[in-house]
Amino acid sequence: MPHPPETLISVVGIEKIVPTWQDLEVFLQTLPRSSTAERMNPYTSTWTGTTDGDGPRTFHLVLLDNGRTDTLADEVGRQALRCIRCSACLNVCPVYERAGGHAYGSVYPGPIGAILSPQLRGTASEIDASLPYASSLCGACYEVCPVAIDIPEVLVHLRERIVEGGPVTREGAKVVLKPAKGHAAERAAMRGARWAFSHPGALRAGQRLASRTRRFHPRTLPGPGKAWSASRDLPEVPAEPFRDWWQRTHGGKDAK
């Protein structure tokens, strides 16, 4: 049997600290059952510090932050820190089954890696920015998670952060994602669409105007949209709006 080291150095993430041995007992039972369907893992070791007998003479505990406090500040993303590394989500994930662990470019693969790595490392790199999209949002991971991490919710939240690209700030007890300045045109377009869909009369008038002037519609978008439409065909505006067609053919009756 190998002799224990005289100097023991343990590097522990700050989210792994539990108050008492009784609290640890819960995780020692939960982890093996969720991971390998065992009552207890055979490789669990516990250290209680230094000793004059058979054990380490010197003990150093390194508490690692490395992005964890930033993750804790995000009221949606913080639930990822509850992970006990049981790999239950990996066992049921269809994306992980086909892509494998190395595709995630991190020590944390699978669904939990898709929400944890971008929060710990940021989304500046291409691989980290792509991780929240490595999911079909089927929800299987959430169903089997023993600590109830809503991984689909965090995935959608991180996608929003990546798309908006703005800073995350705290307003009272609420975390607010402020859109990036470069998205002003998109936000204006979405506000206009929201107004149109909430005013049926204006929407109907706009549809009829678009149908009557469809011969003059450009086939490519101007300005920043030119690059997008250069490789895509813009859909043609129909000669008659669907609303008018339904009124004409069905006399305004609702579809059965």
C-alpha atoms as a PDB file:
ATOM      1  CA  MET A   1       0.000   0.000   0.000  1.00  0.00           C
ATOM      2  CA  PRO A   2       1.482   3.386  -0.972  1.00  0.00           C
ATOM      3  CA  HIS A   3       2.475   5.700   1.828  1.00  0.00           C
ATOM      4  CA  PRO A   4       0.265   8.816   2.157  1.00  0.00           C
ATOM      5  CA  PRO A   5       1.943  12.080   1.142  1.00  0.00           C
ATOM      6  CA  GLU A   6       3.585  14.098   3.885  1.00  0.00           C
ATOM      7  CA  THR A   7       2.288  17.313   2.326  1.00  0.00           C
ATOM      8  CA  LEU A   8      -1.317  17.316   1.156  1.00  0.00           C
ATOM      9  CA  ILE A   9      -2.580  20.123  -1.090  1.00  0.00           C
ATOM     10  CA  SER A  10      -6.281  20.129  -1.954  1.00  0.00           C
ATOM     11  CA  VAL A  11      -7.664  22.480  -4.614  1.00  0.00           C
ATOM     12  CA  VAL A  12     -11.409  22.926  -4.127  1.00  0.00           C
ATOM     13  CA  GLY A  13     -13.953  25.097  -5.893  1.00  0.00           C
ATOM     14  CA  ILE A  14     -15.719  27.432  -3.491  1.00  0.00           C
ATOM     15  CA  GLU A  15     -19.091  25.930  -4.418  1.00  0.00           C
ATOM     16  CA  LYS A  16     -18.020  22.561  -2.955  1.00  0.00           C
ATOM     17  CA  ILE A  17     -17.974  23.711   0.672  1.00  0.00           C
ATOM     18  CA  VAL A  18     -20.668  22.198   2.921  1.00  0.00           C
ATOM     19  CA  PRO A  19     -21.306  23.193   6.543  1.00  0.00           C
ATOM     20  CA  THR A  20     -21.150  19.814   8.316  1.00  0.00           C
ATOM     21  CA  TRP A  21     -20.388  16.117   7.898  1.00  0.00           C
ATOM     22  CA  GLN A  22     -24.136  15.485   8.037  1.00  0.00           C
ATOM     23  CA  ASP A  23     -24.573  17.644   4.934  1.00  0.00           C
ATOM     24  CA  LEU A  24     -21.822  15.703   3.182  1.00  0.00           C
ATOM     25  CA  GLU A  25     -23.642  12.453   3.916  1.00  0.00           C
ATOM     26  CA  VAL A  26     -26.530  13.528   1.683  1.00  0.00           C
ATOM     27  CA  PHE A  27     -24.228  14.011  -1.294  1.00  0.00           C
ATOM     28  CA  LEU A  28     -22.306  10.777  -0.629  1.00  0.00           C
ATOM     29  CA  GLN A  29     -25.593   8.915  -1.045  1.00  0.00           C
ATOM     30  CA  THR A  30     -27.000  10.989  -3.899  1.00  0.00           C
ATOM     31  CA  LEU A  31     -23.944  11.006  -6.166  1.00  0.00           C
ATOM     32  CA  PRO A  32     -23.320   7.239  -6.632  1.00  0.00           C
ATOM     33  CA  ARG A  33     -27.003   6.472  -7.053  1.00  0.00           C
ATOM     34  CA  SER A  34     -27.358   9.076  -9.798  1.00  0.00           C
ATOM     35  CA  SER A  35     -24.044   8.237 -11.448  1.00  0.00           C
ATOM     36  CA  THR A  36     -23.576   4.462 -11.452  1.00  0.00           C
ATOM     37  CA  ALA A  37     -26.617   3.205  -9.514  1.00  0.00           C
ATOM     38  CA  GLU A  38     -24.394   2.175  -6.588  1.00  0.00           C
ATOM     39  CA  ARG A  39     -25.081   2.665  -2.908  1.00  0.00           C
ATOM     40  CA  MET A  40     -21.596   4.078  -2.384  1.00  0.00           C
ATOM     41  CA  ASN A  41     -18.609   4.901  -4.557  1.00  0.00           C
ATOM     42  CA  PRO A  42     -15.575   2.703  -3.846  1.00  0.00           C
ATOM     43  CA  TYR A  43     -13.143   5.585  -4.424  1.00  0.00           C
ATOM     44  CA  THR A  44     -14.391   8.075  -1.833  1.00  0.00           C
ATOM     45  CA  SER A  45     -11.596   9.378   0.431  1.00  0.00           C
ATOM     46  CA  THR A  46     -11.855  11.735   3.390  1.00  0.00           C
ATOM     47  CA  TRP A  47      -9.080  13.744   5.015  1.00  0.00           C
ATOM     48  CA  THR A  48      -9.440  15.376   8.407  1.00  0.00           C
ATOM     49  CA  GLY A  49      -6.230  17.385   8.427  1.00  0.00           C
ATOM     50  CA  THR A  50      -2.750  16.663   9.730  1.00  0.00           C
ATOM     51  CA  THR A  51      -1.760  13.848  12.057  1.00  0.00           C
ATOM     52  CA  ASP A  52       1.306  12.588  13.875  1.00  0.00           C
ATOM     53  CA  GLY A  53       0.556   9.060  12.771  1.00  0.00           C
ATOM     54  CA  ASP A  54       0.017   7.614   9.311  1.00  0.00           C
ATOM     55  CA  GLY A  55      -1.041  10.650   7.302  1.00  0.00           C
ATOM     56  CA  PRO A  56      -0.011  14.068   6.016  1.00  0.00           C
ATOM     57  CA  ARG A  57       2.179  16.234   8.217  1.00  0.00           C
ATOM     58  CA  THR A  58       1.231  19.428   6.386  1.00  0.00           C
ATOM     59  CA  PHE A  59      -2.115  20.297   4.832  1.00  0.00           C
ATOM     60  CA  HIS A  60      -2.944  23.187   2.487  1.00  0.00           C
ATOM     61  CA  LEU A  61      -6.460  23.965   1.270  1.00  0.00           C
ATOM     62  CA  VAL A  62      -6.737  26.142  -1.845  1.00  0.00           C
ATOM     63  CA  LEU A  63     -10.229  27.563  -2.421  1.00  0.00           C
ATOM     64  CA  LEU A  64     -10.684  28.260  -6.111  1.00  0.00           C
ATOM     65  CA  ASP A  65     -12.900  31.053  -7.417  1.00  0.00           C
ATOM     66  CA  ASN A  66     -11.999  31.206 -11.118  1.00  0.00           C
ATOM     67  CA  GLY A  67     -15.284  32.790 -12.239  1.00  0.00           C
ATOM     68  CA  ARG A  68     -17.524  31.192  -9.634  1.00  0.00           C
ATOM     69  CA  THR A  69     -18.478  34.411  -7.836  1.00  0.00           C
ATOM     70  CA  ASP A  70     -19.476  35.926 -11.184  1.00  0.00           C
ATOM     71  CA  THR A  71     -21.611  32.861 -11.832  1.00  0.00           C
ATOM     72  CA  LEU A  72     -23.146  33.186  -8.374  1.00  0.00           C
ATOM     73  CA  ALA A  73     -24.169  36.775  -9.168  1.00  0.00           C
ATOM     74  CA  ASP A  74     -26.336  35.559 -12.065  1.00  0.00           C
ATOM     75  CA  GLU A  75     -29.679  34.562 -10.568  1.00  0.00           C
ATOM     76  CA  VAL A  76     -30.447  32.215 -13.454  1.00  0.00           C
ATOM     77  CA  GLY A  77     -27.010  30.771 -14.117  1.00  0.00           C
ATOM     78  CA  ARG A  78     -26.027  30.271 -10.466  1.00  0.00           C
ATOM     79  CA  GLN A  79     -27.924  26.990 -10.241  1.00  0.00           C
ATOM     80  CA  ALA A  80     -25.142  25.372 -12.279  1.00  0.00           C
ATOM     81  CA  LEU A  81     -22.960  25.604  -9.163  1.00  0.00           C
ATOM     82  CA  ARG A  82     -25.190  23.007  -7.480  1.00  0.00           C
ATOM     83  CA  CYS A  83     -23.743  20.310  -9.732  1.00  0.00           C
ATOM     84  CA  ILE A  84     -22.294  17.296  -7.878  1.00  0.00           C
ATOM     85  CA  ARG A  85     -20.598  15.865 -11.008  1.00  0.00           C
ATOM     86  CA  CYS A  86     -22.697  12.703 -11.076  1.00  0.00           C
ATOM     87  CA  SER A  87     -22.859  12.667 -14.912  1.00  0.00           C
ATOM     88  CA  ALA A  88     -26.555  11.741 -14.943  1.00  0.00           C
ATOM     89  CA  CYS A  89     -27.217  14.462 -17.517  1.00  0.00           C
ATOM     90  CA  LEU A  90     -24.436  13.085 -19.742  1.00  0.00           C
ATOM     91  CA  ASN A  91     -25.985   9.614 -19.676  1.00  0.00           C
ATOM     92  CA  VAL A  92     -29.274  10.820 -21.178  1.00  0.00           C
ATOM     93  CA  CYS A  93     -28.130  13.646 -23.474  1.00  0.00           C
ATOM     94  CA  PRO A  94     -28.588  12.820 -27.197  1.00  0.00           C
ATOM     95  CA  VAL A  95     -26.090  15.509 -28.219  1.00  0.00           C
ATOM     96  CA  TYR A  96     -23.373  14.214 -25.901  1.00  0.00           C
ATOM     97  CA  GLU A  97     -24.067  10.664 -27.069  1.00  0.00           C
ATOM     98  CA  ARG A  98     -23.220  11.623 -30.641  1.00  0.00           C
ATOM     99  CA  ALA A  99     -20.604  14.337 -30.128  1.00  0.00           C
ATOM    100  CA  GLY A 100     -18.588  12.886 -27.249  1.00  0.00           C
ATOM    101  CA  GLY A 101     -16.789  14.717 -24.482  1.00  0.00           C
ATOM    102  CA  HIS A 102     -13.863  16.199 -26.411  1.00  0.00           C
ATOM    103  CA  ALA A 103     -16.240  18.235 -28.590  1.00  0.00           C
ATOM    104  CA  TYR A 104     -16.997  20.506 -25.627  1.00  0.00           C
ATOM    105  CA  GLY A 105     -13.407  21.743 -25.349  1.00  0.00           C
ATOM    106  CA  SER A 106     -13.550  21.773 -21.562  1.00  0.00           C
ATOM    107  CA  VAL A 107     -13.066  19.580 -18.519  1.00  0.00           C
ATOM    108  CA  TYR A 108     -16.843  19.846 -18.097  1.00  0.00           C
ATOM    109  CA  PRO A 109     -18.532  18.000 -20.984  1.00  0.00           C
ATOM    110  CA  GLY A 110     -22.171  17.324 -21.666  1.00  0.00           C
ATOM    111  CA  PRO A 111     -25.163  19.452 -20.692  1.00  0.00           C
ATOM    112  CA  ILE A 112     -23.600  20.668 -17.449  1.00  0.00           C
ATOM    113  CA  GLY A 113     -20.472  21.705 -19.341  1.00  0.00           C
ATOM    114  CA  ALA A 114     -22.610  23.609 -21.835  1.00  0.00           C
ATOM    115  CA  ILE A 115     -23.867  25.877 -19.047  1.00  0.00           C
ATOM    116  CA  LEU A 116     -20.909  25.860 -16.657  1.00  0.00           C
ATOM    117  CA  SER A 117     -17.910  26.448 -18.938  1.00  0.00           C
ATOM    118  CA  PRO A 118     -19.340  29.605 -20.611  1.00  0.00           C
ATOM    119  CA  GLN A 119     -20.002  31.097 -17.178  1.00  0.00           C
ATOM    120  CA  LEU A 120     -16.605  30.255 -15.702  1.00  0.00           C
ATOM    121  CA  ARG A 121     -14.557  31.149 -18.786  1.00  0.00           C
ATOM    122  CA  GLY A 122     -16.802  33.683 -20.502  1.00  0.00           C
ATOM    123  CA  THR A 123     -18.001  33.558 -24.088  1.00  0.00           C
ATOM    124  CA  ALA A 124     -15.160  35.407 -25.818  1.00  0.00           C
ATOM    125  CA  SER A 125     -13.890  32.287 -27.585  1.00  0.00           C
ATOM    126  CA  GLU A 126     -15.788  30.600 -30.393  1.00  0.00           C
ATOM    127  CA  ILE A 127     -16.018  27.266 -28.569  1.00  0.00           C
ATOM    128  CA  ASP A 128     -17.405  28.783 -25.360  1.00  0.00           C
ATOM    129  CA  ALA A 129     -19.917  30.911 -27.261  1.00  0.00           C
ATOM    130  CA  SER A 130     -21.148  27.806 -29.104  1.00  0.00           C
ATOM    131  CA  LEU A 131     -21.649  25.601 -26.040  1.00  0.00           C
ATOM    132  CA  PRO A 132     -25.131  26.908 -25.054  1.00  0.00           C
ATOM    133  CA  TYR A 133     -26.290  25.890 -28.537  1.00  0.00           C
ATOM    134  CA  ALA A 134     -25.038  22.292 -28.132  1.00  0.00           C
ATOM    135  CA  SER A 135     -28.474  21.150 -27.041  1.00  0.00           C
ATOM    136  CA  SER A 136     -31.857  20.280 -28.492  1.00  0.00           C
ATOM    137  CA  LEU A 137     -33.567  21.573 -25.311  1.00  0.00           C
ATOM    138  CA  CYS A 138     -35.317  18.216 -24.943  1.00  0.00           C
ATOM    139  CA  GLY A 139     -35.222  18.542 -21.152  1.00  0.00           C
ATOM    140  CA  ALA A 140     -33.994  15.005 -20.429  1.00  0.00           C
ATOM    141  CA  CYS A 141     -31.088  16.384 -18.395  1.00  0.00           C
ATOM    142  CA  TYR A 142     -33.427  18.348 -16.136  1.00  0.00           C
ATOM    143  CA  GLU A 143     -35.576  15.286 -15.508  1.00  0.00           C
ATOM    144  CA  VAL A 144     -32.682  13.175 -14.188  1.00  0.00           C
ATOM    145  CA  CYS A 145     -30.698  15.857 -12.331  1.00  0.00           C
ATOM    146  CA  PRO A 146     -30.624  14.918  -8.617  1.00  0.00           C
ATOM    147  CA  VAL A 147     -30.099  18.536  -7.540  1.00  0.00           C
ATOM    148  CA  ALA A 148     -32.788  19.971  -9.849  1.00  0.00           C
ATOM    149  CA  ILE A 149     -30.623  22.147 -12.105  1.00  0.00           C
ATOM    150  CA  ASP A 150     -32.892  23.492 -14.848  1.00  0.00           C
ATOM    151  CA  ILE A 151     -30.272  23.132 -17.580  1.00  0.00           C
ATOM    152  CA  PRO A 152     -32.635  24.070 -20.467  1.00  0.00           C
ATOM    153  CA  GLU A 153     -33.511  27.320 -18.680  1.00  0.00           C
ATOM    154  CA  VAL A 154     -29.841  28.214 -18.220  1.00  0.00           C
ATOM    155  CA  LEU A 155     -29.068  27.286 -21.846  1.00  0.00           C
ATOM    156  CA  VAL A 156     -31.714  29.692 -23.132  1.00  0.00           C
ATOM    157  CA  HIS A 157     -30.499  32.343 -20.686  1.00  0.00           C
ATOM    158  CA  LEU A 158     -26.913  32.022 -21.930  1.00  0.00           C
ATOM    159  CA  ARG A 159     -28.052  32.138 -25.548  1.00  0.00           C
ATOM    160  CA  GLU A 160     -29.764  35.427 -24.775  1.00  0.00           C
ATOM    161  CA  ARG A 161     -26.580  36.770 -23.210  1.00  0.00           C
ATOM    162  CA  ILE A 162     -24.548  35.775 -26.256  1.00  0.00           C
ATOM    163  CA  VAL A 163     -27.012  37.263 -28.740  1.00  0.00           C
ATOM    164  CA  GLU A 164     -27.501  40.516 -26.853  1.00  0.00           C
ATOM    165  CA  GLY A 165     -23.841  40.856 -25.944  1.00  0.00           C
ATOM    166  CA  GLY A 166     -24.530  43.502 -23.313  1.00  0.00           C
ATOM    167  CA  PRO A 167     -23.469  43.680 -19.665  1.00  0.00           C
ATOM    168  CA  VAL A 168     -25.284  41.834 -16.893  1.00  0.00           C
ATOM    169  CA  THR A 169     -26.199  44.199 -14.067  1.00  0.00           C
ATOM    170  CA  ARG A 170     -28.127  43.892 -10.827  1.00  0.00           C
ATOM    171  CA  GLU A 171     -31.131  46.071 -10.085  1.00  0.00           C
ATOM    172  CA  GLY A 172     -32.198  45.312  -6.541  1.00  0.00           C
ATOM    173  CA  ALA A 173     -32.740  41.561  -6.353  1.00  0.00           C
ATOM    174  CA  LYS A 174     -33.077  41.190 -10.125  1.00  0.00           C
ATOM    175  CA  VAL A 175     -30.331  40.509 -12.645  1.00  0.00           C
ATOM    176  CA  VAL A 176     -30.884  42.548 -15.813  1.00  0.00           C
ATOM    177  CA  LEU A 177     -29.244  41.889 -19.163  1.00  0.00           C
ATOM    178  CA  LYS A 178     -28.695  45.176 -20.961  1.00  0.00           C
ATOM    179  CA  PRO A 179     -28.603  44.826 -24.775  1.00  0.00           C
ATOM    180  CA  ALA A 180     -25.458  45.844 -26.600  1.00  0.00           C
ATOM    181  CA  LYS A 181     -25.463  49.244 -28.291  1.00  0.00           C
ATOM    182  CA  GLY A 182     -24.975  47.688 -31.707  1.00  0.00           C
ATOM    183  CA  HIS A 183     -28.426  46.092 -31.559  1.00  0.00           C
ATOM    184  CA  ALA A 184     -30.379  49.357 -31.623  1.00  0.00           C
ATOM    185  CA  ALA A 185     -31.765  48.726 -35.130  1.00  0.00           C
ATOM    186  CA  GLU A 186     -32.898  45.221 -34.219  1.00  0.00           C
ATOM    187  CA  ARG A 187     -34.615  46.436 -31.058  1.00  0.00           C
ATOM    188  CA  ALA A 188     -36.374  49.185 -33.016  1.00  0.00           C
ATOM    189  CA  ALA A 189     -37.590  46.622 -35.567  1.00  0.00           C
ATOM    190  CA  MET A 190     -38.899  44.341 -32.821  1.00  0.00           C
ATOM    191  CA  ARG A 191     -40.739  47.245 -31.176  1.00  0.00           C
ATOM    192  CA  GLY A 192     -42.309  48.107 -34.521  1.00  0.00           C
ATOM    193  CA  ALA A 193     -43.383  44.501 -35.050  1.00  0.00           C
ATOM    194  CA  ARG A 194     -44.852  44.362 -31.556  1.00  0.00           C
ATOM    195  CA  TRP A 195     -46.889  47.499 -32.231  1.00  0.00           C
ATOM    196  CA  ALA A 196     -48.130  46.180 -35.586  1.00  0.00           C
ATOM    197  CA  PHE A 197     -49.205  42.811 -34.187  1.00  0.00           C
ATOM    198  CA  SER A 198     -51.076  44.525 -31.353  1.00  0.00           C
ATOM    199  CA  HIS A 199     -53.020  46.744 -33.817  1.00  0.00           C
ATOM    200  CA  PRO A 200     -54.898  44.451 -36.260  1.00  0.00           C
ATOM    201  CA  GLY A 201     -56.178  47.333 -38.367  1.00  0.00           C
ATOM    202  CA  ALA A 202     -52.705  48.695 -39.022  1.00  0.00           C
ATOM    203  CA  LEU A 203     -51.387  45.190 -39.733  1.00  0.00           C
ATOM    204  CA  ARG A 204     -54.172  44.539 -42.245  1.00  0.00           C
ATOM    205  CA  ALA A 205     -53.515  47.850 -44.000  1.00  0.00           C
ATOM    206  CA  GLY A 206     -49.794  47.110 -44.168  1.00  0.00           C
ATOM    207  CA  GLN A 207     -50.403  43.661 -45.659  1.00  0.00           C
ATOM    208  CA  ARG A 208     -52.647  45.056 -48.374  1.00  0.00           C
ATOM    209  CA  LEU A 209     -50.186  47.834 -49.179  1.00  0.00           C
ATOM    210  CA  ALA A 210     -47.365  45.295 -49.451  1.00  0.00           C
ATOM    211  CA  SER A 211     -49.429  43.161 -51.834  1.00  0.00           C
ATOM    212  CA  ARG A 212     -50.299  46.091 -54.089  1.00  0.00           C
ATOM    213  CA  THR A 213     -46.726  47.336 -54.291  1.00  0.00           C
ATOM    214  CA  ARG A 214     -45.004  43.954 -54.493  1.00  0.00           C
ATOM    215  CA  ARG A 215     -43.723  44.615 -58.031  1.00  0.00           C
ATOM    216  CA  PHE A 216     -41.490  47.340 -56.638  1.00  0.00           C
ATOM    217  CA  HIS A 217     -40.015  45.315 -53.787  1.00  0.00           C
ATOM    218  CA  PRO A 218     -36.229  44.846 -54.012  1.00  0.00           C
ATOM    219  CA  ARG A 219     -34.779  41.354 -54.312  1.00  0.00           C
ATOM    220  CA  THR A 220     -31.905  42.212 -51.979  1.00  0.00           C
ATOM    221  CA  LEU A 221     -31.757  44.140 -48.735  1.00  0.00           C
ATOM    222  CA  PRO A 222     -29.950  47.468 -48.541  1.00  0.00           C
ATOM    223  CA  GLY A 223     -27.193  48.473 -46.134  1.00  0.00           C
ATOM    224  CA  PRO A 224     -26.154  45.963 -43.481  1.00  0.00           C
ATOM    225  CA  GLY A 225     -28.712  43.452 -44.773  1.00  0.00           C
ATOM    226  CA  LYS A 226     -27.051  43.243 -48.189  1.00  0.00           C
ATOM    227  CA  ALA A 227     -24.566  40.584 -47.101  1.00  0.00           C
ATOM    228  CA  TRP A 228     -27.387  38.491 -45.643  1.00  0.00           C
ATOM    229  CA  SER A 229     -29.565  38.628 -48.768  1.00  0.00           C
ATOM    230  CA  ALA A 230     -26.626  38.066 -51.121  1.00  0.00           C
ATOM    231  CA  SER A 231     -26.844  34.327 -50.472  1.00  0.00           C
ATOM    232  CA  ARG A 232     -30.569  34.111 -49.730  1.00  0.00           C
ATOM    233  CA  ASP A 233     -33.730  34.676 -51.729  1.00  0.00           C
ATOM    234  CA  LEU A 234     -36.219  37.040 -50.152  1.00  0.00           C
ATOM    235  CA  PRO A 235     -39.709  35.528 -50.137  1.00  0.00           C
ATOM    236  CA  GLU A 236     -42.148  37.108 -52.567  1.00  0.00           C
ATOM    237  CA  VAL A 237     -45.092  38.977 -51.120  1.00  0.00           C
ATOM    238  CA  PRO A 238     -48.311  37.146 -52.094  1.00  0.00           C
ATOM    239  CA  ALA A 239     -50.718  38.921 -54.394  1.00  0.00           C
ATOM    240  CA  GLU A 240     -53.437  38.575 -51.770  1.00  0.00           C
ATOM    241  CA  PRO A 241     -52.982  38.490 -47.995  1.00  0.00           C
ATOM    242  CA  PHE A 242     -54.091  35.266 -46.316  1.00  0.00           C
ATOM    243  CA  ARG A 243     -56.656  37.190 -44.280  1.00  0.00           C
ATOM    244  CA  ASP A 244     -58.340  38.517 -47.434  1.00  0.00           C
ATOM    245  CA  TRP A 245     -58.177  35.094 -49.134  1.00  0.00           C
ATOM    246  CA  TRP A 246     -59.886  33.467 -46.164  1.00  0.00           C
ATOM    247  CA  GLN A 247     -62.559  36.153 -46.096  1.00  0.00           C
ATOM    248  CA  ARG A 248     -63.212  35.661 -49.804  1.00  0.00           C
ATOM    249  CA  THR A 249     -63.268  31.854 -49.831  1.00  0.00           C
ATOM    250  CA  HIS A 250     -64.832  31.132 -46.450  1.00  0.00           C
ATOM    251  CA  GLY A 251     -66.975  34.159 -45.884  1.00  0.00           C
ATOM    252  CA  GLY A 252     -65.137  35.113 -42.717  1.00  0.00           C
ATOM    253  CA  LYS A 253     -65.927  31.835 -40.929  1.00  0.00           C
ATOM    254  CA  ASP A 254     -63.360  30.461 -38.517  1.00  0.00           C
ATOM    255  CA  ALA A 255     -61.454  27.367 -39.586  1.00  0.00           C
ATOM    256  CA  LYS A 256     -62.685  24.125 -38.007  1.00  0.00           C
END
